[in-house]
Amino acid sequence: MFLIWTYNITSVYEAHSAVWNSHPKNYGKGSRACRVCAHQAGLIRKYGLNLCRQCFREYAADIGFVKHR
């Protein structure tokens, strides 16, 4: 007697795509994003700003930072 295996390949891809965002991101660069544009690179975290460098240059005067040079 032969067993016929049915293998649904789409369910494998669906299950695999769920793996990427299943791990909690509590630390590291992936856990932080710019509060304006949600960009993850070039963050300025000092003083709790959490702004990327592009957004910081745009909003620095509004926040109260003064460029001395």
PDB file of N, CA and C in Angstrom:
ATOM      1  N   MET A   1       0.841  -1.172   0.000  1.00  0.00           N
ATOM      2  CA  MET A   1       0.000   0.000   0.000  1.00  0.00           C
ATOM      3  C   MET A   1       0.892   1.243   0.000  1.00  0.00           C
ATOM      4  N   PHE A   2       0.572   2.159  -0.873  1.00  0.00           N
ATOM      5  CA  PHE A   2       1.340   3.396  -1.004  1.00  0.00           C
ATOM      6  C   PHE A   2       0.587   4.543  -0.362  1.00  0.00           C
ATOM      7  N   LEU A   3       1.305   5.343   0.372  1.00  0.00           N
ATOM      8  CA  LEU A   3       0.705   6.532   0.964  1.00  0.00           C
ATOM      9  C   LEU A   3       0.935   7.720   0.037  1.00  0.00           C
ATOM     10  N   ILE A   4      -0.095   8.481  -0.167  1.00  0.00           N
ATOM     11  CA  ILE A   4       0.012   9.670  -1.002  1.00  0.00           C
ATOM     12  C   ILE A   4       0.090  10.881  -0.079  1.00  0.00           C
ATOM     13  N   TRP A   5       1.192  11.585  -0.178  1.00  0.00           N
ATOM     14  CA  TRP A   5       1.388  12.769   0.649  1.00  0.00           C
ATOM     15  C   TRP A   5       0.966  13.998  -0.137  1.00  0.00           C
ATOM     16  N   THR A   6       0.115  14.756   0.447  1.00  0.00           N
ATOM     17  CA  THR A   6      -0.235  16.037  -0.165  1.00  0.00           C
ATOM     18  C   THR A   6       0.497  17.117   0.606  1.00  0.00           C
ATOM     19  N   TYR A   7       1.172  17.948  -0.110  1.00  0.00           N
ATOM     20  CA  TYR A   7       2.016  18.959   0.513  1.00  0.00           C
ATOM     21  C   TYR A   7       1.626  20.308  -0.055  1.00  0.00           C
ATOM     22  N   ASN A   8       1.056  21.133   0.785  1.00  0.00           N
ATOM     23  CA  ASN A   8       0.621  22.451   0.356  1.00  0.00           C
ATOM     24  C   ASN A   8       1.773  23.429   0.563  1.00  0.00           C
ATOM     25  N   ILE A   9       2.394  23.843  -0.527  1.00  0.00           N
ATOM     26  CA  ILE A   9       3.587  24.684  -0.414  1.00  0.00           C
ATOM     27  C   ILE A   9       3.246  26.108  -0.001  1.00  0.00           C
ATOM     28  N   THR A  10       2.052  26.595  -0.277  1.00  0.00           N
ATOM     29  CA  THR A  10       1.711  27.964   0.113  1.00  0.00           C
ATOM     30  C   THR A  10       1.615  28.093   1.625  1.00  0.00           C
ATOM     31  N   SER A  11       1.165  27.059   2.301  1.00  0.00           N
ATOM     32  CA  SER A  11       1.075  27.148   3.756  1.00  0.00           C
ATOM     33  C   SER A  11       2.460  27.212   4.392  1.00  0.00           C
ATOM     34  N   VAL A  12       3.457  26.617   3.748  1.00  0.00           N
ATOM     35  CA  VAL A  12       4.823  26.680   4.255  1.00  0.00           C
ATOM     36  C   VAL A  12       5.342  28.106   4.155  1.00  0.00           C
ATOM     37  N   TYR A  13       5.083  28.767   3.037  1.00  0.00           N
ATOM     38  CA  TYR A  13       5.539  30.152   2.880  1.00  0.00           C
ATOM     39  C   TYR A  13       4.817  31.080   3.845  1.00  0.00           C
ATOM     40  N   GLU A  14       3.549  30.878   4.071  1.00  0.00           N
ATOM     41  CA  GLU A  14       2.803  31.710   5.011  1.00  0.00           C
ATOM     42  C   GLU A  14       3.344  31.538   6.425  1.00  0.00           C
ATOM     43  N   ALA A  15       3.644  30.313   6.794  1.00  0.00           N
ATOM     44  CA  ALA A  15       4.174  30.056   8.130  1.00  0.00           C
ATOM     45  C   ALA A  15       5.567  30.661   8.272  1.00  0.00           C
ATOM     46  N   HIS A  16       6.358  30.603   7.209  1.00  0.00           N
ATOM     47  CA  HIS A  16       7.720  31.131   7.277  1.00  0.00           C
ATOM     48  C   HIS A  16       7.717  32.654   7.348  1.00  0.00           C
ATOM     49  N   SER A  17       6.782  33.313   6.683  1.00  0.00           N
ATOM     50  CA  SER A  17       6.742  34.774   6.715  1.00  0.00           C
ATOM     51  C   SER A  17       6.326  35.289   8.088  1.00  0.00           C
ATOM     52  N   ALA A  18       5.636  34.483   8.858  1.00  0.00           N
ATOM     53  CA  ALA A  18       5.227  34.901  10.196  1.00  0.00           C
ATOM     54  C   ALA A  18       6.388  34.846  11.186  1.00  0.00           C
ATOM     55  N   VAL A  19       7.479  34.193  10.813  1.00  0.00           N
ATOM     56  CA  VAL A  19       8.613  34.041  11.715  1.00  0.00           C
ATOM     57  C   VAL A  19       9.361  35.364  11.884  1.00  0.00           C
ATOM     58  N   TRP A  20       9.410  36.191  10.856  1.00  0.00           N
ATOM     59  CA  TRP A  20      10.273  37.368  10.870  1.00  0.00           C
ATOM     60  C   TRP A  20       9.870  38.371  11.939  1.00  0.00           C
ATOM     61  N   ASN A  21       8.602  38.602  12.158  1.00  0.00           N
ATOM     62  CA  ASN A  21       8.176  39.612  13.122  1.00  0.00           C
ATOM     63  C   ASN A  21       7.640  39.003  14.412  1.00  0.00           C
ATOM     64  N   SER A  22       7.972  37.766  14.686  1.00  0.00           N
ATOM     65  CA  SER A  22       7.432  37.122  15.875  1.00  0.00           C
ATOM     66  C   SER A  22       8.302  37.360  17.109  1.00  0.00           C
ATOM     67  N   HIS A  23       9.573  37.652  16.906  1.00  0.00           N
ATOM     68  CA  HIS A  23      10.478  37.833  18.042  1.00  0.00           C
ATOM     69  C   HIS A  23      10.344  39.251  18.584  1.00  0.00           C
ATOM     70  N   PRO A  24      10.191  39.425  19.884  1.00  0.00           N
ATOM     71  CA  PRO A  24      10.045  40.779  20.437  1.00  0.00           C
ATOM     72  C   PRO A  24      11.342  41.582  20.302  1.00  0.00           C
ATOM     73  N   LYS A  25      11.204  42.857  19.966  1.00  0.00           N
ATOM     74  CA  LYS A  25      12.360  43.736  19.816  1.00  0.00           C
ATOM     75  C   LYS A  25      12.382  44.707  20.991  1.00  0.00           C
ATOM     76  N   ASN A  26      13.079  44.340  22.053  1.00  0.00           N
ATOM     77  CA  ASN A  26      13.132  45.159  23.256  1.00  0.00           C
ATOM     78  C   ASN A  26      14.436  45.922  23.390  1.00  0.00           C
ATOM     79  N   TYR A  27      15.453  45.554  22.631  1.00  0.00           N
ATOM     80  CA  TYR A  27      16.751  46.208  22.736  1.00  0.00           C
ATOM     81  C   TYR A  27      17.420  46.158  21.372  1.00  0.00           C
ATOM     82  N   GLY A  28      18.416  46.994  21.181  1.00  0.00           N
ATOM     83  CA  GLY A  28      19.133  47.042  19.916  1.00  0.00           C
ATOM     84  C   GLY A  28      18.552  48.082  18.974  1.00  0.00           C
ATOM     85  N   LYS A  29      19.164  48.192  17.809  1.00  0.00           N
ATOM     86  CA  LYS A  29      18.759  49.216  16.850  1.00  0.00           C
ATOM     87  C   LYS A  29      17.364  48.982  16.295  1.00  0.00           C
ATOM     88  N   GLY A  30      16.953  47.735  16.219  1.00  0.00           N
ATOM     89  CA  GLY A  30      15.626  47.442  15.679  1.00  0.00           C
ATOM     90  C   GLY A  30      14.487  47.824  16.594  1.00  0.00           C
ATOM     91  N   SER A  31      14.792  48.112  17.845  1.00  0.00           N
ATOM     92  CA  SER A  31      13.730  48.444  18.796  1.00  0.00           C
ATOM     93  C   SER A  31      13.425  49.932  18.833  1.00  0.00           C
ATOM     94  N   ARG A  32      14.274  50.750  18.189  1.00  0.00           N
ATOM     95  CA  ARG A  32      14.108  52.202  18.258  1.00  0.00           C
ATOM     96  C   ARG A  32      13.869  52.769  16.875  1.00  0.00           C
ATOM     97  N   ALA A  33      13.049  53.804  16.807  1.00  0.00           N
ATOM     98  CA  ALA A  33      12.779  54.473  15.539  1.00  0.00           C
ATOM     99  C   ALA A  33      12.564  55.956  15.798  1.00  0.00           C
ATOM    100  N   CYS A  34      12.711  56.737  14.753  1.00  0.00           N
ATOM    101  CA  CYS A  34      12.482  58.175  14.842  1.00  0.00           C
ATOM    102  C   CYS A  34      11.014  58.425  15.147  1.00  0.00           C
ATOM    103  N   ARG A  35      10.751  59.343  16.057  1.00  0.00           N
ATOM    104  CA  ARG A  35       9.365  59.621  16.436  1.00  0.00           C
ATOM    105  C   ARG A  35       8.618  60.403  15.374  1.00  0.00           C
ATOM    106  N   VAL A  36       9.323  60.964  14.376  1.00  0.00           N
ATOM    107  CA  VAL A  36       8.672  61.731  13.316  1.00  0.00           C
ATOM    108  C   VAL A  36       8.423  60.862  12.091  1.00  0.00           C
ATOM    109  N   CYS A  37       9.497  60.233  11.585  1.00  0.00           N
ATOM    110  CA  CYS A  37       9.382  59.523  10.305  1.00  0.00           C
ATOM    111  C   CYS A  37       9.552  58.013  10.428  1.00  0.00           C
ATOM    112  N   ALA A  38       9.777  57.499  11.624  1.00  0.00           N
ATOM    113  CA  ALA A  38       9.923  56.061  11.892  1.00  0.00           C
ATOM    114  C   ALA A  38      11.162  55.455  11.242  1.00  0.00           C
ATOM    115  N   HIS A  39      12.151  56.289  10.876  1.00  0.00           N
ATOM    116  CA  HIS A  39      13.411  55.791  10.320  1.00  0.00           C
ATOM    117  C   HIS A  39      14.245  55.215  11.460  1.00  0.00           C
ATOM    118  N   GLN A  40      14.990  54.132  11.187  1.00  0.00           N
ATOM    119  CA  GLN A  40      15.723  53.470  12.262  1.00  0.00           C
ATOM    120  C   GLN A  40      17.211  53.795  12.285  1.00  0.00           C
ATOM    121  N   ALA A  41      17.736  54.406  11.242  1.00  0.00           N
ATOM    122  CA  ALA A  41      19.172  54.686  11.192  1.00  0.00           C
ATOM    123  C   ALA A  41      19.446  56.146  11.528  1.00  0.00           C
ATOM    124  N   GLY A  42      20.597  56.416  12.107  1.00  0.00           N
ATOM    125  CA  GLY A  42      21.014  57.777  12.405  1.00  0.00           C
ATOM    126  C   GLY A  42      20.220  58.438  13.510  1.00  0.00           C
ATOM    127  N   LEU A  43      19.841  57.664  14.518  1.00  0.00           N
ATOM    128  CA  LEU A  43      19.021  58.217  15.596  1.00  0.00           C
ATOM    129  C   LEU A  43      19.845  59.049  16.569  1.00  0.00           C
ATOM    130  N   ILE A  44      19.287  60.151  16.997  1.00  0.00           N
ATOM    131  CA  ILE A  44      19.854  60.959  18.073  1.00  0.00           C
ATOM    132  C   ILE A  44      19.013  60.662  19.304  1.00  0.00           C
ATOM    133  N   ARG A  45      19.606  59.916  20.230  1.00  0.00           N
ATOM    134  CA  ARG A  45      18.867  59.460  21.408  1.00  0.00           C
ATOM    135  C   ARG A  45      19.128  60.324  22.629  1.00  0.00           C
ATOM    136  N   LYS A  46      20.084  61.227  22.531  1.00  0.00           N
ATOM    137  CA  LYS A  46      20.464  62.043  23.675  1.00  0.00           C
ATOM    138  C   LYS A  46      19.293  62.900  24.129  1.00  0.00           C
ATOM    139  N   TYR A  47      19.156  63.041  25.424  1.00  0.00           N
ATOM    140  CA  TYR A  47      18.065  63.782  26.073  1.00  0.00           C
ATOM    141  C   TYR A  47      16.693  63.191  25.757  1.00  0.00           C
ATOM    142  N   GLY A  48      16.652  61.946  25.305  1.00  0.00           N
ATOM    143  CA  GLY A  48      15.368  61.319  24.990  1.00  0.00           C
ATOM    144  C   GLY A  48      14.712  61.861  23.735  1.00  0.00           C
ATOM    145  N   LEU A  49      15.515  62.420  22.816  1.00  0.00           N
ATOM    146  CA  LEU A  49      14.946  62.996  21.594  1.00  0.00           C
ATOM    147  C   LEU A  49      14.358  61.928  20.680  1.00  0.00           C
ATOM    148  N   ASN A  50      15.129  60.876  20.422  1.00  0.00           N
ATOM    149  CA  ASN A  50      14.727  59.801  19.515  1.00  0.00           C
ATOM    150  C   ASN A  50      14.285  60.340  18.159  1.00  0.00           C
ATOM    151  N   LEU A  51      15.138  61.190  17.582  1.00  0.00           N
ATOM    152  CA  LEU A  51      14.919  61.732  16.246  1.00  0.00           C
ATOM    153  C   LEU A  51      16.052  61.272  15.345  1.00  0.00           C
ATOM    154  N   CYS A  52      15.757  60.989  14.086  1.00  0.00           N
ATOM    155  CA  CYS A  52      16.836  60.710  13.151  1.00  0.00           C
ATOM    156  C   CYS A  52      17.527  62.030  12.836  1.00  0.00           C
ATOM    157  N   ARG A  53      18.715  61.962  12.294  1.00  0.00           N
ATOM    158  CA  ARG A  53      19.507  63.174  12.106  1.00  0.00           C
ATOM    159  C   ARG A  53      18.867  64.134  11.119  1.00  0.00           C
ATOM    160  N   GLN A  54      18.143  63.613  10.128  1.00  0.00           N
ATOM    161  CA  GLN A  54      17.483  64.489   9.162  1.00  0.00           C
ATOM    162  C   GLN A  54      16.348  65.265   9.822  1.00  0.00           C
ATOM    163  N   CYS A  55      15.546  64.587  10.629  1.00  0.00           N
ATOM    164  CA  CYS A  55      14.442  65.257  11.324  1.00  0.00           C
ATOM    165  C   CYS A  55      14.972  66.211  12.386  1.00  0.00           C
ATOM    166  N   PHE A  56      16.106  65.858  13.009  1.00  0.00           N
ATOM    167  CA  PHE A  56      16.687  66.757  13.997  1.00  0.00           C
ATOM    168  C   PHE A  56      17.100  68.073  13.353  1.00  0.00           C
ATOM    169  N   ARG A  57      17.718  68.011  12.188  1.00  0.00           N
ATOM    170  CA  ARG A  57      18.120  69.251  11.504  1.00  0.00           C
ATOM    171  C   ARG A  57      16.903  70.085  11.134  1.00  0.00           C
ATOM    172  N   GLU A  58      15.809  69.415  10.818  1.00  0.00           N
ATOM    173  CA  GLU A  58      14.596  70.131  10.431  1.00  0.00           C
ATOM    174  C   GLU A  58      13.925  70.805  11.631  1.00  0.00           C
ATOM    175  N   TYR A  59      13.919  70.130  12.778  1.00  0.00           N
ATOM    176  CA  TYR A  59      13.172  70.617  13.938  1.00  0.00           C
ATOM    177  C   TYR A  59      14.051  71.171  15.055  1.00  0.00           C
ATOM    178  N   ALA A  60      15.359  71.288  14.852  1.00  0.00           N
ATOM    179  CA  ALA A  60      16.266  71.704  15.928  1.00  0.00           C
ATOM    180  C   ALA A  60      15.931  73.094  16.453  1.00  0.00           C
ATOM    181  N   ALA A  61      15.647  74.028  15.578  1.00  0.00           N
ATOM    182  CA  ALA A  61      15.333  75.390  16.023  1.00  0.00           C
ATOM    183  C   ALA A  61      14.015  75.425  16.788  1.00  0.00           C
ATOM    184  N   ASP A  62      13.047  74.632  16.366  1.00  0.00           N
ATOM    185  CA  ASP A  62      11.759  74.583  17.063  1.00  0.00           C
ATOM    186  C   ASP A  62      11.909  74.001  18.465  1.00  0.00           C
ATOM    187  N   ILE A  63      12.825  73.041  18.609  1.00  0.00           N
ATOM    188  CA  ILE A  63      13.049  72.412  19.907  1.00  0.00           C
ATOM    189  C   ILE A  63      13.793  73.368  20.836  1.00  0.00           C
ATOM    190  N   GLY A  64      14.656  74.210  20.261  1.00  0.00           N
ATOM    191  CA  GLY A  64      15.403  75.160  21.076  1.00  0.00           C
ATOM    192  C   GLY A  64      16.904  75.018  20.979  1.00  0.00           C
ATOM    193  N   PHE A  65      17.396  74.206  20.059  1.00  0.00           N
ATOM    194  CA  PHE A  65      18.830  74.057  19.870  1.00  0.00           C
ATOM    195  C   PHE A  65      19.341  75.206  19.012  1.00  0.00           C
ATOM    196  N   VAL A  66      20.517  75.725  19.377  1.00  0.00           N
ATOM    197  CA  VAL A  66      21.130  76.836  18.652  1.00  0.00           C
ATOM    198  C   VAL A  66      22.472  76.370  18.119  1.00  0.00           C
ATOM    199  N   LYS A  67      22.715  76.609  16.837  1.00  0.00           N
ATOM    200  CA  LYS A  67      23.987  76.245  16.234  1.00  0.00           C
ATOM    201  C   LYS A  67      24.988  77.363  16.500  1.00  0.00           C
ATOM    202  N   HIS A  68      26.138  77.022  17.091  1.00  0.00           N
ATOM    203  CA  HIS A  68      27.115  78.034  17.474  1.00  0.00           C
ATOM    204  C   HIS A  68      28.123  78.320  16.372  1.00  0.00           C
ATOM    205  N   ARG A  69      28.359  77.403  15.488  1.00  0.00           N
ATOM    206  CA  ARG A  69      29.339  77.628  14.420  1.00  0.00           C
ATOM    207  C   ARG A  69      28.674  77.631  13.085  1.00  0.00           C
TER     208      ARG A  69
END
